Protein backbone atom coordinates (compact mmCIF):
# COMPACT_ATOMS: atom_id res chain seq x y z
CA UNK A 1 -36.09 -31.49 72.43
CA UNK A 2 -33.00 -29.03 73.61
CA UNK A 3 -35.14 -27.21 76.52
CA UNK A 4 -37.77 -29.99 77.67
CA UNK A 5 -36.26 -32.87 77.33
CA UNK A 6 -32.40 -32.31 78.14
CA UNK A 7 -32.90 -28.30 80.06
CA UNK A 8 -30.66 -26.69 77.17
CA UNK A 9 -30.65 -22.99 77.31
CA UNK A 10 -32.25 -22.46 74.15
CA UNK A 11 -31.14 -18.61 74.37
CA UNK A 12 -27.84 -19.83 74.17
CA UNK A 13 -27.05 -19.83 70.31
CA UNK A 14 -24.49 -22.76 70.45
CA UNK A 15 -27.69 -24.89 71.90
CA UNK A 16 -29.68 -23.31 68.34
CA UNK A 17 -26.71 -23.96 66.47
CA UNK A 18 -26.78 -27.88 67.40
CA UNK A 19 -30.89 -27.98 67.55
CA UNK A 20 -31.00 -26.94 63.81
CA UNK A 21 -27.54 -28.60 62.41
CA UNK A 22 -29.59 -31.79 63.74
CA UNK A 23 -32.62 -31.29 61.98
CA UNK A 24 -30.68 -30.87 58.47
CA UNK A 25 -30.95 -26.78 58.89
CA UNK A 26 -27.82 -24.25 58.27
CA UNK A 27 -28.48 -22.45 60.90
CA UNK A 28 -27.04 -18.69 59.84
CA UNK A 29 -29.39 -17.52 57.95
CA UNK A 30 -31.34 -18.60 61.61
CA UNK A 31 -29.15 -16.76 63.38
CA UNK A 32 -28.84 -13.56 61.05
CA UNK A 33 -32.36 -13.20 61.14
CA UNK A 34 -32.88 -13.18 64.65
CA UNK A 35 -30.80 -10.43 64.77
CA UNK A 36 -32.90 -8.14 62.64
CA UNK A 37 -34.63 -5.24 64.27
CA UNK A 38 -37.82 -6.33 62.06
CA UNK A 39 -37.81 -9.68 63.75
CA UNK A 40 -37.39 -8.33 67.37
CA UNK A 41 -40.22 -6.46 66.76
CA UNK A 42 -42.47 -8.96 65.56
CA UNK A 43 -41.85 -11.15 68.57
CA UNK A 44 -42.67 -8.34 71.25
CA UNK A 45 -46.00 -7.82 69.29
CA UNK A 46 -46.53 -11.90 68.66
CA UNK A 47 -45.67 -11.95 72.88
CA UNK A 48 -47.64 -8.89 73.39
CA UNK A 49 -51.04 -10.39 71.43
CA UNK A 50 -50.11 -14.25 73.31
CA UNK A 51 -50.66 -11.70 76.95
CA UNK A 52 -53.37 -10.04 75.82
CA UNK A 53 -55.09 -13.99 74.96
CA UNK A 54 -53.37 -15.08 78.94
CA UNK A 55 -50.62 -17.28 77.51
CA UNK A 56 -48.34 -17.14 80.35
CA UNK A 57 -46.32 -20.27 79.29
CA UNK A 58 -45.47 -22.95 76.19
CA UNK A 59 -46.50 -24.67 75.54
CA UNK A 60 -50.26 -23.09 75.13
CA UNK A 61 -52.98 -23.27 72.47
CA UNK A 62 -55.84 -21.05 71.85
CA UNK A 63 -58.96 -22.66 70.72
CA UNK A 64 -61.15 -19.75 69.85
CA UNK A 65 -60.92 -18.29 73.02
CA UNK A 66 -60.47 -21.07 75.22
CA UNK A 67 -56.41 -21.54 75.66
CA UNK A 68 -54.96 -24.55 76.56
CA UNK A 69 -51.85 -24.40 78.61
CA UNK A 70 -48.73 -27.15 79.04
CA UNK A 71 -48.66 -30.42 77.08
CA UNK A 72 -51.37 -32.21 79.07
CA UNK A 73 -53.83 -30.27 77.42
CA UNK A 74 -52.60 -30.30 73.74
CA UNK A 75 -55.07 -33.60 73.14
CA UNK A 76 -58.35 -31.58 74.48
CA UNK A 77 -57.32 -28.41 72.04
CA UNK A 78 -57.24 -30.57 69.31
CA UNK A 79 -60.80 -32.01 70.17
CA UNK A 80 -62.48 -28.41 70.70
CA UNK A 81 -60.38 -27.26 66.98
CA UNK A 82 -61.68 -31.08 65.70
CA UNK A 83 -65.37 -29.79 66.74
CA UNK A 84 -65.57 -26.20 66.22
CA UNK A 85 -64.67 -26.78 62.67
CA UNK A 86 -66.32 -30.02 62.07
CA UNK A 87 -63.98 -32.44 61.83
């Protein structure tokens, strides 16, 4: 909600602290984890994988080989995923 609903900068540690606290979560371990090189390397790897699948924005949903971009496409992604899994 911080970014999409209120237009806040989620790269700002103070914004993340407030969001985590609003969820009843202690922000300290998450801030520490975010600064670790292993975490940063994992994020870079996941970003590369997302780009390889054509992801260019958030939110994005990949169902099989089909990419759905935008919150307004969520229902379509769920419908396809449900059909593909036989639900």
